[in-house]
PDB file of N, CA and C in Angstrom:
ATOM      1  N   MET A   1     148.423 -13.747  85.058  1.00  0.00           N
ATOM      2  CA  MET A   1     149.647 -14.449  85.358  1.00  0.00           C
ATOM      3  C   MET A   1     150.760 -13.870  84.507  1.00  0.00           C
ATOM      4  N   MET A   2     151.968 -13.906  85.067  1.00  0.00           N
ATOM      5  CA  MET A   2     153.130 -13.474  84.303  1.00  0.00           C
ATOM      6  C   MET A   2     154.303 -14.394  84.599  1.00  0.00           C
ATOM      7  N   VAL A   3     155.183 -14.486  83.611  1.00  0.00           N
ATOM      8  CA  VAL A   3     156.386 -15.311  83.725  1.00  0.00           C
ATOM      9  C   VAL A   3     157.559 -14.464  83.234  1.00  0.00           C
ATOM     10  N   ILE A   4     158.639 -14.471  83.996  1.00  0.00           N
ATOM     11  CA  ILE A   4     159.870 -13.805  83.576  1.00  0.00           C
ATOM     12  C   ILE A   4     160.965 -14.859  83.528  1.00  0.00           C
ATOM     13  N   VAL A   5     161.675 -14.911  82.406  1.00  0.00           N
ATOM     14  CA  VAL A   5     162.803 -15.829  82.242  1.00  0.00           C
ATOM     15  C   VAL A   5     164.047 -14.986  82.030  1.00  0.00           C
ATOM     16  N   VAL A   6     165.091 -15.241  82.835  1.00  0.00           N
ATOM     17  CA  VAL A   6     166.340 -14.494  82.709  1.00  0.00           C
ATOM     18  C   VAL A   6     167.485 -15.438  82.380  1.00  0.00           C
ATOM     19  N   GLU A   7     168.453 -14.923  81.632  1.00  0.00           N
ATOM     20  CA  GLU A   7     169.678 -15.665  81.309  1.00  0.00           C
ATOM     21  C   GLU A   7     170.854 -14.754  81.634  1.00  0.00           C
ATOM     22  N   ASN A   8     171.876 -15.306  82.253  1.00  0.00           N
ATOM     23  CA  ASN A   8     173.079 -14.545  82.625  1.00  0.00           C
ATOM     24  C   ASN A   8     172.736 -13.311  83.454  1.00  0.00           C
ATOM     25  N   ALA A   9     171.766 -13.442  84.337  1.00  0.00           N
ATOM     26  CA  ALA A   9     171.342 -12.316  85.170  1.00  0.00           C
ATOM     27  C   ALA A   9     172.254 -12.192  86.388  1.00  0.00           C
ATOM     28  N   PRO A  10     172.561 -10.964  86.788  1.00  0.00           N
ATOM     29  CA  PRO A  10     173.370 -10.784  87.984  1.00  0.00           C
ATOM     30  C   PRO A  10     172.612 -11.256  89.232  1.00  0.00           C
ATOM     31  N   PRO A  11     173.342 -11.699  90.255  1.00  0.00           N
ATOM     32  CA  PRO A  11     172.695 -12.180  91.483  1.00  0.00           C
ATOM     33  C   PRO A  11     171.737 -11.168  92.105  1.00  0.00           C
ATOM     34  N   ARG A  12     172.070  -9.883  92.016  1.00  0.00           N
ATOM     35  CA  ARG A  12     171.198  -8.859  92.592  1.00  0.00           C
ATOM     36  C   ARG A  12     169.814  -8.882  91.948  1.00  0.00           C
ATOM     37  N   LEU A  13     169.756  -9.025  90.628  1.00  0.00           N
ATOM     38  CA  LEU A  13     168.466  -9.084  89.934  1.00  0.00           C
ATOM     39  C   LEU A  13     167.721 -10.354  90.313  1.00  0.00           C
ATOM     40  N   ARG A  14     168.419 -11.471  90.342  1.00  0.00           N
ATOM     41  CA  ARG A  14     167.768 -12.739  90.711  1.00  0.00           C
ATOM     42  C   ARG A  14     167.149 -12.654  92.099  1.00  0.00           C
ATOM     43  N   GLY A  15     167.861 -11.995  93.020  1.00  0.00           N
ATOM     44  CA  GLY A  15     167.331 -11.810  94.371  1.00  0.00           C
ATOM     45  C   GLY A  15     166.103 -10.926  94.396  1.00  0.00           C
ATOM     46  N   ARG A  16     166.138  -9.852  93.608  1.00  0.00           N
ATOM     47  CA  ARG A  16     164.982  -8.949  93.541  1.00  0.00           C
ATOM     48  C   ARG A  16     163.759  -9.665  92.984  1.00  0.00           C
ATOM     49  N   LEU A  17     163.963 -10.433  91.915  1.00  0.00           N
ATOM     50  CA  LEU A  17     162.834 -11.164  91.324  1.00  0.00           C
ATOM     51  C   LEU A  17     162.274 -12.192  92.303  1.00  0.00           C
ATOM     52  N   ALA A  18     163.153 -12.828  93.074  1.00  0.00           N
ATOM     53  CA  ALA A  18     162.709 -13.841  94.039  1.00  0.00           C
ATOM     54  C   ALA A  18     161.872 -13.221  95.161  1.00  0.00           C
ATOM     55  N   LEU A  19     162.034 -11.923  95.422  1.00  0.00           N
ATOM     56  CA  LEU A  19     161.199 -11.253  96.421  1.00  0.00           C
ATOM     57  C   LEU A  19     159.748 -11.165  95.961  1.00  0.00           C
ATOM     58  N   TRP A  20     159.543 -10.971  94.663  1.00  0.00           N
ATOM     59  CA  TRP A  20     158.213 -10.746  94.121  1.00  0.00           C
ATOM     60  C   TRP A  20     157.562 -12.008  93.561  1.00  0.00           C
ATOM     61  N   LEU A  21     158.380 -12.888  92.992  1.00  0.00           N
ATOM     62  CA  LEU A  21     157.857 -14.011  92.217  1.00  0.00           C
ATOM     63  C   LEU A  21     158.409 -15.337  92.736  1.00  0.00           C
ATOM     64  N   ALA A  22     157.750 -16.424  92.396  1.00  0.00           N
ATOM     65  CA  ALA A  22     158.238 -17.760  92.741  1.00  0.00           C
ATOM     66  C   ALA A  22     159.196 -18.231  91.653  1.00  0.00           C
ATOM     67  N   GLU A  23     160.400 -18.668  92.045  1.00  0.00           N
ATOM     68  CA  GLU A  23     161.371 -19.185  91.079  1.00  0.00           C
ATOM     69  C   GLU A  23     161.115 -20.686  90.925  1.00  0.00           C
ATOM     70  N   VAL A  24     160.369 -21.057  89.882  1.00  0.00           N
ATOM     71  CA  VAL A  24     159.951 -22.449  89.696  1.00  0.00           C
ATOM     72  C   VAL A  24     161.031 -23.315  89.048  1.00  0.00           C
ATOM     73  N   ARG A  25     161.942 -22.712  88.331  1.00  0.00           N
ATOM     74  CA  ARG A  25     163.128 -23.352  87.760  1.00  0.00           C
ATOM     75  C   ARG A  25     164.217 -22.286  87.762  1.00  0.00           C
ATOM     76  N   ALA A  26     165.433 -22.681  87.562  1.00  0.00           N
ATOM     77  CA  ALA A  26     166.525 -21.712  87.555  1.00  0.00           C
ATOM     78  C   ALA A  26     166.270 -20.633  86.499  1.00  0.00           C
ATOM     79  N   GLY A  27     166.156 -19.390  86.935  1.00  0.00           N
ATOM     80  CA  GLY A  27     165.954 -18.277  86.018  1.00  0.00           C
ATOM     81  C   GLY A  27     164.538 -18.095  85.512  1.00  0.00           C
ATOM     82  N   THR A  28     163.574 -18.864  86.023  1.00  0.00           N
ATOM     83  CA  THR A  28     162.177 -18.770  85.594  1.00  0.00           C
ATOM     84  C   THR A  28     161.311 -18.382  86.786  1.00  0.00           C
ATOM     85  N   TYR A  29     160.700 -17.209  86.702  1.00  0.00           N
ATOM     86  CA  TYR A  29     159.924 -16.644  87.808  1.00  0.00           C
ATOM     87  C   TYR A  29     158.466 -16.491  87.392  1.00  0.00           C
ATOM     88  N   VAL A  30     157.545 -16.843  88.299  1.00  0.00           N
ATOM     89  CA  VAL A  30     156.117 -16.836  87.992  1.00  0.00           C
ATOM     90  C   VAL A  30     155.358 -16.101  89.095  1.00  0.00           C
ATOM     91  N   GLY A  31     154.339 -15.339  88.707  1.00  0.00           N
ATOM     92  CA  GLY A  31     153.497 -14.668  89.685  1.00  0.00           C
ATOM     93  C   GLY A  31     152.256 -14.086  89.040  1.00  0.00           C
ATOM     94  N   VAL A  32     151.361 -13.584  89.889  1.00  0.00           N
ATOM     95  CA  VAL A  32     150.132 -12.948  89.426  1.00  0.00           C
ATOM     96  C   VAL A  32     150.062 -11.567  90.076  1.00  0.00           C
ATOM     97  N   TYR A  33     150.161 -10.535  89.258  1.00  0.00           N
ATOM     98  CA  TYR A  33     150.138  -9.165  89.754  1.00  0.00           C
ATOM     99  C   TYR A  33     149.349  -8.278  88.802  1.00  0.00           C
ATOM    100  N   SER A  34     149.036  -7.081  89.299  1.00  0.00           N
ATOM    101  CA  SER A  34     148.336  -6.094  88.475  1.00  0.00           C
ATOM    102  C   SER A  34     149.270  -5.579  87.379  1.00  0.00           C
ATOM    103  N   THR A  35     148.680  -4.911  86.416  1.00  0.00           N
ATOM    104  CA  THR A  35     149.466  -4.330  85.324  1.00  0.00           C
ATOM    105  C   THR A  35     150.511  -3.366  85.863  1.00  0.00           C
ATOM    106  N   ARG A  36     150.126  -2.540  86.793  1.00  0.00           N
ATOM    107  CA  ARG A  36     151.041  -1.550  87.358  1.00  0.00           C
ATOM    108  C   ARG A  36     152.244  -2.220  88.024  1.00  0.00           C
ATOM    109  N   THR A  37     151.996  -3.244  88.819  1.00  0.00           N
ATOM    110  CA  THR A  37     153.083  -3.942  89.505  1.00  0.00           C
ATOM    111  C   THR A  37     153.941  -4.694  88.503  1.00  0.00           C
ATOM    112  N   ARG A  38     153.316  -5.333  87.502  1.00  0.00           N
ATOM    113  CA  ARG A  38     154.075  -6.041  86.468  1.00  0.00           C
ATOM    114  C   ARG A  38     155.024  -5.085  85.748  1.00  0.00           C
ATOM    115  N   GLU A  39     154.538  -3.912  85.391  1.00  0.00           N
ATOM    116  CA  GLU A  39     155.371  -2.930  84.702  1.00  0.00           C
ATOM    117  C   GLU A  39     156.520  -2.455  85.576  1.00  0.00           C
ATOM    118  N   ARG A  40     156.289  -2.312  86.867  1.00  0.00           N
ATOM    119  CA  ARG A  40     157.365  -1.908  87.783  1.00  0.00           C
ATOM    120  C   ARG A  40     158.426  -2.999  87.886  1.00  0.00           C
ATOM    121  N   ILE A  41     158.004  -4.236  88.024  1.00  0.00           N
ATOM    122  CA  ILE A  41     158.955  -5.349  88.090  1.00  0.00           C
ATOM    123  C   ILE A  41     159.768  -5.416  86.802  1.00  0.00           C
ATOM    124  N   TRP A  42     159.127  -5.244  85.655  1.00  0.00           N
ATOM    125  CA  TRP A  42     159.830  -5.305  84.374  1.00  0.00           C
ATOM    126  C   TRP A  42     160.798  -4.132  84.231  1.00  0.00           C
ATOM    127  N   LYS A  43     160.421  -2.952  84.710  1.00  0.00           N
ATOM    128  CA  LYS A  43     161.313  -1.791  84.665  1.00  0.00           C
ATOM    129  C   LYS A  43     162.574  -2.071  85.488  1.00  0.00           C
ATOM    130  N   GLU A  44     162.422  -2.624  86.678  1.00  0.00           N
ATOM    131  CA  GLU A  44     163.576  -2.965  87.512  1.00  0.00           C
ATOM    132  C   GLU A  44     164.430  -4.032  86.849  1.00  0.00           C
ATOM    133  N   THR A  45     163.783  -4.996  86.202  1.00  0.00           N
ATOM    134  CA  THR A  45     164.520  -6.040  85.490  1.00  0.00           C
ATOM    135  C   THR A  45     165.367  -5.418  84.386  1.00  0.00           C
ATOM    136  N   ALA A  46     164.786  -4.499  83.625  1.00  0.00           N
ATOM    137  CA  ALA A  46     165.514  -3.838  82.534  1.00  0.00           C
ATOM    138  C   ALA A  46     166.698  -3.036  83.064  1.00  0.00           C
ATOM    139  N   GLU A  47     166.535  -2.412  84.221  1.00  0.00           N
ATOM    140  CA  GLU A  47     167.606  -1.607  84.801  1.00  0.00           C
ATOM    141  C   GLU A  47     168.754  -2.461  85.334  1.00  0.00           C
ATOM    142  N   LEU A  48     168.447  -3.662  85.829  1.00  0.00           N
ATOM    143  CA  LEU A  48     169.449  -4.489  86.499  1.00  0.00           C
ATOM    144  C   LEU A  48     169.998  -5.638  85.651  1.00  0.00           C
ATOM    145  N   ILE A  49     169.488  -5.865  84.442  1.00  0.00           N
ATOM    146  CA  ILE A  49     169.856  -7.047  83.661  1.00  0.00           C
ATOM    147  C   ILE A  49     171.315  -7.035  83.217  1.00  0.00           C
ATOM    148  N   GLY A  50     171.909  -5.871  83.059  1.00  0.00           N
ATOM    149  CA  GLY A  50     173.319  -5.795  82.664  1.00  0.00           C
ATOM    150  C   GLY A  50     173.563  -6.446  81.315  1.00  0.00           C
ATOM    151  N   GLU A  51     174.509  -7.392  81.260  1.00  0.00           N
ATOM    152  CA  GLU A  51     174.874  -8.082  80.017  1.00  0.00           C
ATOM    153  C   GLU A  51     173.964  -9.275  79.711  1.00  0.00           C
ATOM    154  N   GLY A  52     173.027  -9.572  80.603  1.00  0.00           N
ATOM    155  CA  GLY A  52     172.150 -10.724  80.413  1.00  0.00           C
ATOM    156  C   GLY A  52     170.984 -10.414  79.493  1.00  0.00           C
ATOM    157  N   SER A  53     170.013 -11.320  79.478  1.00  0.00           N
ATOM    158  CA  SER A  53     168.797 -11.113  78.693  1.00  0.00           C
ATOM    159  C   SER A  53     167.603 -11.588  79.507  1.00  0.00           C
ATOM    160  N   ALA A  54     166.436 -11.057  79.164  1.00  0.00           N
ATOM    161  CA  ALA A  54     165.223 -11.413  79.888  1.00  0.00           C
ATOM    162  C   ALA A  54     164.028 -11.344  78.952  1.00  0.00           C
ATOM    163  N   CYS A  55     163.015 -12.110  79.302  1.00  0.00           N
ATOM    164  CA  CYS A  55     161.762 -12.127  78.553  1.00  0.00           C
ATOM    165  C   CYS A  55     160.631 -12.168  79.570  1.00  0.00           C
ATOM    166  N   ILE A  56     159.599 -11.381  79.336  1.00  0.00           N
ATOM    167  CA  ILE A  56     158.416 -11.407  80.189  1.00  0.00           C
ATOM    168  C   ILE A  56     157.208 -11.781  79.334  1.00  0.00           C
ATOM    169  N   VAL A  57     156.366 -12.640  79.875  1.00  0.00           N
ATOM    170  CA  VAL A  57     155.135 -13.072  79.209  1.00  0.00           C
ATOM    171  C   VAL A  57     154.000 -12.869  80.204  1.00  0.00           C
ATOM    172  N   TRP A  58     152.868 -12.310  79.747  1.00  0.00           N
ATOM    173  CA  TRP A  58     151.737 -12.126  80.637  1.00  0.00           C
ATOM    174  C   TRP A  58     150.434 -12.394  79.897  1.00  0.00           C
ATOM    175  N   SER A  59     149.426 -12.771  80.677  1.00  0.00           N
ATOM    176  CA  SER A  59     148.098 -13.027  80.121  1.00  0.00           C
ATOM    177  C   SER A  59     147.527 -11.730  79.569  1.00  0.00           C
ATOM    178  N   ALA A  60     146.903 -11.829  78.401  1.00  0.00           N
ATOM    179  CA  ALA A  60     146.322 -10.648  77.765  1.00  0.00           C
ATOM    180  C   ALA A  60     145.177 -11.086  76.853  1.00  0.00           C
ATOM    181  N   PRO A  61     144.210 -10.193  76.638  1.00  0.00           N
ATOM    182  CA  PRO A  61     143.083 -10.533  75.769  1.00  0.00           C
ATOM    183  C   PRO A  61     143.438 -10.404  74.281  1.00  0.00           C
ATOM    184  N   THR A  62     144.367 -11.211  73.825  1.00  0.00           N
ATOM    185  CA  THR A  62     144.781 -11.224  72.422  1.00  0.00           C
ATOM    186  C   THR A  62     144.389 -12.567  71.811  1.00  0.00           C
ATOM    187  N   ASP A  63     144.594 -12.709  70.512  1.00  0.00           N
ATOM    188  CA  ASP A  63     144.280 -13.972  69.850  1.00  0.00           C
ATOM    189  C   ASP A  63     145.057 -15.138  70.449  1.00  0.00           C
ATOM    190  N   SER A  64     146.297 -14.886  70.837  1.00  0.00           N
ATOM    191  CA  SER A  64     147.122 -15.951  71.413  1.00  0.00           C
ATOM    192  C   SER A  64     146.901 -16.104  72.915  1.00  0.00           C
ATOM    193  N   GLY A  65     146.279 -15.115  73.569  1.00  0.00           N
ATOM    194  CA  GLY A  65     146.007 -15.194  75.002  1.00  0.00           C
ATOM    195  C   GLY A  65     147.131 -14.649  75.867  1.00  0.00           C
ATOM    196  N   PHE A  66     148.173 -14.142  75.242  1.00  0.00           N
ATOM    197  CA  PHE A  66     149.293 -13.573  75.996  1.00  0.00           C
ATOM    198  C   PHE A  66     150.018 -12.543  75.163  1.00  0.00           C
ATOM    199  N   GLN A  67     150.861 -11.754  75.840  1.00  0.00           N
ATOM    200  CA  GLN A  67     151.768 -10.822  75.189  1.00  0.00           C
ATOM    201  C   GLN A  67     153.133 -11.019  75.811  1.00  0.00           C
ATOM    202  N   PHE A  68     154.182 -10.561  75.128  1.00  0.00           N
ATOM    203  CA  PHE A  68     155.508 -10.673  75.709  1.00  0.00           C
ATOM    204  C   PHE A  68     156.436  -9.598  75.188  1.00  0.00           C
ATOM    205  N   GLU A  69     157.508  -9.362  75.952  1.00  0.00           N
ATOM    206  CA  GLU A  69     158.568  -8.430  75.594  1.00  0.00           C
ATOM    207  C   GLU A  69     159.885  -9.104  75.925  1.00  0.00           C
ATOM    208  N   ALA A  70     160.944  -8.650  75.285  1.00  0.00           N
ATOM    209  CA  ALA A  70     162.277  -9.193  75.557  1.00  0.00           C
ATOM    210  C   ALA A  70     163.294  -8.064  75.582  1.00  0.00           C
ATOM    211  N   ILE A  71     164.333  -8.226  76.409  1.00  0.00           N
ATOM    212  CA  ILE A  71     165.435  -7.276  76.469  1.00  0.00           C
ATOM    213  C   ILE A  71     166.741  -8.043  76.478  1.00  0.00           C
ATOM    214  N   GLY A  72     167.795  -7.401  76.017  1.00  0.00           N
ATOM    215  CA  GLY A  72     169.104  -8.037  75.997  1.00  0.00           C
ATOM    216  C   GLY A  72     169.349  -8.783  74.696  1.00  0.00           C
ATOM    217  N   GLN A  73     170.568  -9.298  74.565  1.00  0.00           N
ATOM    218  CA  GLN A  73     170.961 -10.032  73.361  1.00  0.00           C
ATOM    219  C   GLN A  73     170.362 -11.437  73.367  1.00  0.00           C
ATOM    220  N   ASN A  74     169.686 -11.775  72.285  1.00  0.00           N
ATOM    221  CA  ASN A  74     169.089 -13.098  72.139  1.00  0.00           C
ATOM    222  C   ASN A  74     168.832 -13.328  70.657  1.00  0.00           C
ATOM    223  N   ARG A  75     168.891 -14.585  70.223  1.00  0.00           N
ATOM    224  CA  ARG A  75     168.605 -14.895  68.814  1.00  0.00           C
ATOM    225  C   ARG A  75     167.131 -14.755  68.487  1.00  0.00           C
ATOM    226  N   ARG A  76     166.287 -14.811  69.484  1.00  0.00           N
ATOM    227  CA  ARG A  76     164.848 -14.716  69.245  1.00  0.00           C
ATOM    228  C   ARG A  76     164.397 -13.279  69.458  1.00  0.00           C
ATOM    229  N   GLU A  77     163.546 -12.801  68.568  1.00  0.00           N
ATOM    230  CA  GLU A  77     162.987 -11.462  68.745  1.00  0.00           C
ATOM    231  C   GLU A  77     161.514 -11.468  68.365  1.00  0.00           C
ATOM    232  N   PRO A  78     160.692 -10.739  69.134  1.00  0.00           N
ATOM    233  CA  PRO A  78     159.262 -10.671  68.826  1.00  0.00           C
ATOM    234  C   PRO A  78     159.005  -9.830  67.583  1.00  0.00           C
ATOM    235  N   VAL A  79     158.083 -10.293  66.754  1.00  0.00           N
ATOM    236  CA  VAL A  79     157.724  -9.590  65.520  1.00  0.00           C
ATOM    237  C   VAL A  79     156.203  -9.572  65.409  1.00  0.00           C
ATOM    238  N   ASP A  80     155.640  -8.390  65.142  1.00  0.00           N
ATOM    239  CA  ASP A  80     154.197  -8.267  64.960  1.00  0.00           C
ATOM    240  C   ASP A  80     153.836  -8.678  63.535  1.00  0.00           C
ATOM    241  N   PHE A  81     152.911  -9.628  63.398  1.00  0.00           N
ATOM    242  CA  PHE A  81     152.465 -10.101  62.096  1.00  0.00           C
ATOM    243  C   PHE A  81     150.947  -9.973  62.048  1.00  0.00           C
ATOM    244  N   ASP A  82     150.471  -8.849  61.522  1.00  0.00           N
ATOM    245  CA  ASP A  82     149.030  -8.562  61.442  1.00  0.00           C
ATOM    246  C   ASP A  82     148.329  -8.712  62.791  1.00  0.00           C
ATOM    247  N   GLY A  83     148.952  -8.142  63.852  1.00  0.00           N
ATOM    248  CA  GLY A  83     148.341  -8.178  65.172  1.00  0.00           C
ATOM    249  C   GLY A  83     148.682  -9.401  65.992  1.00  0.00           C
ATOM    250  N   LEU A  84     149.316 -10.383  65.408  1.00  0.00           N
ATOM    251  CA  LEU A  84     149.722 -11.592  66.124  1.00  0.00           C
ATOM    252  C   LEU A  84     151.233 -11.534  66.333  1.00  0.00           C
ATOM    253  N   THR A  85     151.674 -11.674  67.561  1.00  0.00           N
ATOM    254  CA  THR A  85     153.108 -11.615  67.841  1.00  0.00           C
ATOM    255  C   THR A  85     153.723 -12.993  67.648  1.00  0.00           C
ATOM    256  N   LEU A  86     154.701 -13.041  66.762  1.00  0.00           N
ATOM    257  CA  LEU A  86     155.424 -14.279  66.485  1.00  0.00           C
ATOM    258  C   LEU A  86     156.884 -14.100  66.895  1.00  0.00           C
ATOM    259  N   VAL A  87     157.640 -15.187  66.882  1.00  0.00           N
ATOM    260  CA  VAL A  87     159.048 -15.130  67.231  1.00  0.00           C
ATOM    261  C   VAL A  87     159.892 -15.381  65.996  1.00  0.00           C
ATOM    262  N   LYS A  88     160.808 -14.457  65.749  1.00  0.00           N
ATOM    263  CA  LYS A  88     161.708 -14.551  64.612  1.00  0.00           C
ATOM    264  C   LYS A  88     163.104 -14.900  65.125  1.00  0.00           C
ATOM    265  N   PHE A  89     163.769 -15.815  64.448  1.00  0.00           N
ATOM    266  CA  PHE A  89     165.130 -16.181  64.829  1.00  0.00           C
ATOM    267  C   PHE A  89     166.117 -15.396  63.968  1.00  0.00           C
ATOM    268  N   LYS A  90     167.070 -14.755  64.647  1.00  0.00           N
ATOM    269  CA  LYS A  90     168.141 -14.045  63.946  1.00  0.00           C
ATOM    270  C   LYS A  90     169.140 -15.071  63.443  1.00  0.00           C
ATOM    271  N   PRO A  91     169.830 -14.803  62.345  1.00  0.00           N
ATOM    272  CA  PRO A  91     170.833 -15.756  61.852  1.00  0.00           C
ATOM    273  C   PRO A  91     171.998 -15.857  62.834  1.00  0.00           C
ATOM    274  N   VAL A  92     172.663 -17.003  62.840  1.00  0.00           N
ATOM    275  CA  VAL A  92     173.820 -17.221  63.700  1.00  0.00           C
ATOM    276  C   VAL A  92     174.936 -16.332  63.219  1.00  0.00           C
ATOM    277  N   ALA A  93     175.552 -15.594  64.141  1.00  0.00           N
ATOM    278  CA  ALA A  93     176.630 -14.650  63.774  1.00  0.00           C
ATOM    279  C   ALA A  93     177.974 -15.351  63.701  1.00  0.00           C
TER     280      ALA A  93
END
Protein backbone atom coordinates (compact mmCIF):
# COMPACT_ATOMS: atom_id res chain seq x y z
CA MET A 1 0.00 0.00 0.00
CA MET A 2 1.08 3.56 -0.60
CA VAL A 3 -0.22 6.97 0.37
CA ILE A 4 0.65 10.30 -1.24
CA VAL A 5 -0.26 13.58 0.47
CA VAL A 6 0.08 16.84 -1.48
CA GLU A 7 -0.19 20.47 -0.38
CA ASN A 8 -0.56 23.42 -2.76
CA ALA A 9 -0.41 21.03 -5.72
CA PRO A 10 -1.32 22.30 -9.17
CA PRO A 11 -4.61 20.97 -10.63
CA ARG A 12 -2.72 19.06 -13.32
CA LEU A 13 -0.86 16.99 -10.70
CA ARG A 14 -4.03 16.38 -8.69
CA GLY A 15 -5.71 15.09 -11.85
CA ARG A 16 -2.80 12.80 -12.67
CA LEU A 17 -2.78 11.33 -9.17
CA ALA A 18 -6.55 10.80 -9.32
CA LEU A 19 -6.05 8.64 -12.44
CA TRP A 20 -3.86 6.20 -10.51
CA LEU A 21 -5.00 6.48 -6.90
CA ALA A 22 -8.18 6.98 -4.87
CA GLU A 23 -8.45 10.48 -3.37
CA VAL A 24 -9.83 9.61 0.08
CA ARG A 25 -9.54 13.18 1.43
CA ALA A 26 -8.51 16.43 -0.21
CA GLY A 27 -4.88 15.99 -1.27
CA THR A 28 -4.60 12.43 0.14
CA TYR A 29 -4.26 9.62 -2.41
CA VAL A 30 -4.15 5.88 -1.63
CA GLY A 31 -3.40 2.82 -3.76
CA VAL A 32 -1.61 -0.51 -4.02
CA TYR A 33 0.99 -0.82 -6.77
CA SER A 34 4.30 -2.49 -7.52
CA THR A 35 7.58 -0.82 -6.66
CA ARG A 36 8.15 0.09 -10.29
CA THR A 37 4.75 1.77 -10.66
CA ARG A 38 5.10 3.53 -7.29
CA GLU A 39 8.45 4.97 -8.35
CA ARG A 40 6.99 6.18 -11.65
CA ILE A 41 4.07 7.88 -9.91
CA TRP A 42 6.47 9.54 -7.45
CA LYS A 43 8.75 10.70 -10.29
CA GLU A 44 5.77 12.36 -12.02
CA THR A 45 4.72 13.91 -8.72
CA ALA A 46 8.22 15.38 -8.26
CA GLU A 47 8.18 16.78 -11.80
CA LEU A 48 4.73 18.40 -11.48
CA ILE A 49 4.66 19.57 -7.83
CA GLY A 50 5.91 23.08 -8.65
CA GLU A 51 5.80 25.32 -5.55
CA GLY A 52 3.84 22.75 -3.52
CA SER A 53 5.01 19.88 -1.34
CA ALA A 54 4.35 16.16 -1.27
CA CYS A 55 5.03 13.13 0.87
CA ILE A 56 4.82 9.47 -0.10
CA VAL A 57 4.55 6.59 2.39
CA TRP A 58 4.64 2.91 1.43
CA SER A 59 4.67 -0.46 3.14
CA ALA A 60 8.17 -1.83 3.62
CA PRO A 61 9.89 -4.56 5.64
CA THR A 62 11.41 -2.14 8.16
CA ASP A 63 11.11 -1.89 11.94
CA SER A 64 8.33 0.67 11.54
CA GLY A 65 6.63 -1.25 8.69
CA PHE A 66 6.86 1.63 6.22
CA GLN A 67 9.21 4.04 4.47
CA PHE A 68 8.61 7.56 3.23
CA GLU A 69 10.05 10.42 1.20
CA ALA A 70 9.15 14.09 0.98
CA ILE A 71 9.66 16.85 -1.60
CA GLY A 72 9.05 20.57 -1.50
CA GLN A 73 9.12 23.08 1.34
CA ASN A 74 7.83 21.72 4.63
CA ARG A 75 8.73 22.09 8.32
CA ARG A 76 8.95 18.32 8.66
CA GLU A 77 11.88 16.41 7.24
CA PRO A 78 12.78 12.71 7.42
CA VAL A 79 15.92 11.87 9.39
CA ASP A 80 17.62 8.47 9.64
CA PHE A 81 18.31 7.52 13.27
CA ASP A 82 20.23 4.22 13.42
CA GLY A 83 18.12 2.71 10.62
CA LEU A 84 14.81 4.07 11.92
CA THR A 85 13.33 7.00 10.01
CA LEU A 86 12.01 9.72 12.28
CA VAL A 87 10.53 13.14 11.57
CA LYS A 88 12.43 16.26 12.52
CA PHE A 89 10.74 19.65 12.75
CA LYS A 90 12.62 22.64 11.35
CA PRO A 91 12.46 25.83 13.44
CA VAL A 92 9.86 28.43 12.47
CA ALA A 93 11.45 30.99 10.14
